C-alpha atoms as a PDB file:
ATOM      1  CA  MET A   1      98.046  93.308 102.424  1.00  0.00           C
ATOM      2  CA  TYR A   2      97.503  90.382 100.090  1.00  0.00           C
ATOM      3  CA  LEU A   3      95.453  90.761  96.919  1.00  0.00           C
ATOM      4  CA  LEU A   4      94.167  87.303  96.072  1.00  0.00           C
ATOM      5  CA  ASP A   5      93.813  86.378  92.417  1.00  0.00           C
ATOM      6  CA  THR A   6      91.187  84.172  90.820  1.00  0.00           C
ATOM      7  CA  ASP A   7      93.402  81.086  90.577  1.00  0.00           C
ATOM      8  CA  THR A   8      94.336  81.248  94.260  1.00  0.00           C
ATOM      9  CA  ILE A   9      90.684  81.359  95.289  1.00  0.00           C
ATOM     10  CA  ILE A  10      89.689  78.546  92.922  1.00  0.00           C
ATOM     11  CA  TYR A  11      92.564  76.321  94.062  1.00  0.00           C
ATOM     12  CA  SER A  12      91.593  76.987  97.659  1.00  0.00           C
ATOM     13  CA  LEU A  13      87.953  76.087  96.979  1.00  0.00           C
ATOM     14  CA  LYS A  14      89.103  72.853  95.330  1.00  0.00           C
ATOM     15  CA  GLY A  15      91.090  71.955  98.451  1.00  0.00           C
ATOM     16  CA  ASN A  16      94.634  72.494  97.180  1.00  0.00           C
ATOM     17  CA  ASP A  17      96.749  71.825 100.277  1.00  0.00           C
ATOM     18  CA  LYS A  18      99.684  73.983  99.203  1.00  0.00           C
ATOM     19  CA  VAL A  19      97.454  77.010  98.574  1.00  0.00           C
ATOM     20  CA  ASN A  20      95.391  76.476 101.717  1.00  0.00           C
ATOM     21  CA  ASN A  21      98.511  76.080 103.880  1.00  0.00           C
ATOM     22  CA  ASN A  22      99.952  79.275 102.412  1.00  0.00           C
ATOM     23  CA  LEU A  23      96.709  81.170 103.061  1.00  0.00           C
ATOM     24  CA  GLN A  24      96.560  79.774 106.590  1.00  0.00           C
ATOM     25  CA  SER A  25     100.092  81.035 107.273  1.00  0.00           C
ATOM     26  CA  HIS A  26      98.830  84.549 106.475  1.00  0.00           C
ATOM     27  CA  VAL A  27      95.508  84.322 108.287  1.00  0.00           C
ATOM     28  CA  ASP A  28      96.351  87.385 110.415  1.00  0.00           C
ATOM     29  CA  ASP A  29      97.335  89.486 107.390  1.00  0.00           C
ATOM     30  CA  PRO A  30      94.754  91.573 105.533  1.00  0.00           C
ATOM     31  CA  MET A  31      93.502  89.850 102.369  1.00  0.00           C
ATOM     32  CA  LYS A  32      91.409  91.481  99.685  1.00  0.00           C
ATOM     33  CA  ILE A  33      90.137  90.696  96.214  1.00  0.00           C
ATOM     34  CA  CYS A  34      89.663  92.906  93.182  1.00  0.00           C
ATOM     35  CA  VAL A  35      86.211  93.418  91.685  1.00  0.00           C
ATOM     36  CA  ILE A  36      87.537  91.834  88.478  1.00  0.00           C
ATOM     37  CA  THR A  37      88.390  88.645  90.375  1.00  0.00           C
ATOM     38  CA  LEU A  38      84.916  88.656  91.913  1.00  0.00           C
ATOM     39  CA  MET A  39      83.284  89.001  88.502  1.00  0.00           C
ATOM     40  CA  LYS A  40      85.406  86.134  87.134  1.00  0.00           C
ATOM     41  CA  LEU A  41      84.208  83.960  89.999  1.00  0.00           C
ATOM     42  CA  TYR A  42      80.565  84.866  89.290  1.00  0.00           C
ATOM     43  CA  PHE A  43      81.075  84.180  85.584  1.00  0.00           C
ATOM     44  CA  GLY A  44      82.554  80.779  86.337  1.00  0.00           C
ATOM     45  CA  ALA A  45      79.756  79.944  88.773  1.00  0.00           C
ATOM     46  CA  TYR A  46      77.077  80.760  86.204  1.00  0.00           C
ATOM     47  CA  LYS A  47      78.824  78.607  83.580  1.00  0.00           C
ATOM     48  CA  SER A  48      79.304  75.660  85.929  1.00  0.00           C
ATOM     49  CA  GLU A  49      77.196  72.537  86.269  1.00  0.00           C
ATOM     50  CA  ARG A  50      76.392  73.352  89.912  1.00  0.00           C
ATOM     51  CA  VAL A  51      75.256  76.955  89.561  1.00  0.00           C
ATOM     52  CA  ALA A  52      73.397  77.308  92.870  1.00  0.00           C
ATOM     53  CA  GLY A  53      76.154  75.758  94.987  1.00  0.00           C
ATOM     54  CA  ASN A  54      78.923  77.709  93.293  1.00  0.00           C
ATOM     55  CA  LEU A  55      77.000  80.983  93.528  1.00  0.00           C
ATOM     56  CA  ALA A  56      76.649  80.369  97.260  1.00  0.00           C
ATOM     57  CA  LYS A  57      80.424  79.960  97.518  1.00  0.00           C
ATOM     58  CA  VAL A  58      81.057  83.164  95.570  1.00  0.00           C
ATOM     59  CA  ARG A  59      78.610  85.093  97.753  1.00  0.00           C
ATOM     60  CA  THR A  60      80.395  83.799 100.840  1.00  0.00           C
ATOM     61  CA  ILE A  61      83.710  84.967  99.413  1.00  0.00           C
ATOM     62  CA  GLU A  62      82.193  88.338  98.544  1.00  0.00           C
ATOM     63  CA  SER A  63      81.033  88.846 102.120  1.00  0.00           C
ATOM     64  CA  ALA A  64      84.304  87.600 103.645  1.00  0.00           C
ATOM     65  CA  PHE A  65      86.737  89.859 101.784  1.00  0.00           C
ATOM     66  CA  GLU A  66      86.990  93.544 101.120  1.00  0.00           C
ATOM     67  CA  ILE A  67      86.425  94.106  97.407  1.00  0.00           C
ATOM     68  CA  ILE A  68      88.765  96.597  95.758  1.00  0.00           C
ATOM     69  CA  ALA A  69      87.168  98.614  92.954  1.00  0.00           C
ATOM     70  CA  THR A  70      89.019  99.794  89.882  1.00  0.00           C
ATOM     71  CA  LEU A  71      88.411 102.791  87.674  1.00  0.00           C
ATOM     72  CA  SER A  72      88.188 102.595  83.912  1.00  0.00           C
ATOM     73  CA  ASN A  73      91.708 104.024  83.657  1.00  0.00           C
ATOM     74  CA  GLY A  74      93.034 101.248  85.917  1.00  0.00           C
ATOM     75  CA  ARG A  75      93.752 103.557  88.850  1.00  0.00           C
ATOM     76  CA  GLN A  76      92.432 103.067  92.334  1.00  0.00           C
ATOM     77  CA  PRO A  77      89.783 105.498  93.559  1.00  0.00           C
ATOM     78  CA  ILE A  78      90.933 108.016  96.157  1.00  0.00           C
ATOM     79  CA  HIS A  79      89.296 107.468  99.546  1.00  0.00           C
END
């Protein structure tokens, strides 16, 4: 499983070839993002000059990846 961080997602959205090629090489591997990463993306979208377009991108990301929640003590919830 790969846990994608905020920078990786942003670089991918900006068309960084190195990042996109690396992600493509793992297309069959499970990829997830943390709720903290998702909130950083929303924060950045709301602060951007193109709010509507960037929010649409974040919502697409949110629907495409499993979002991993965290507890206040930093531990993962037990499923």
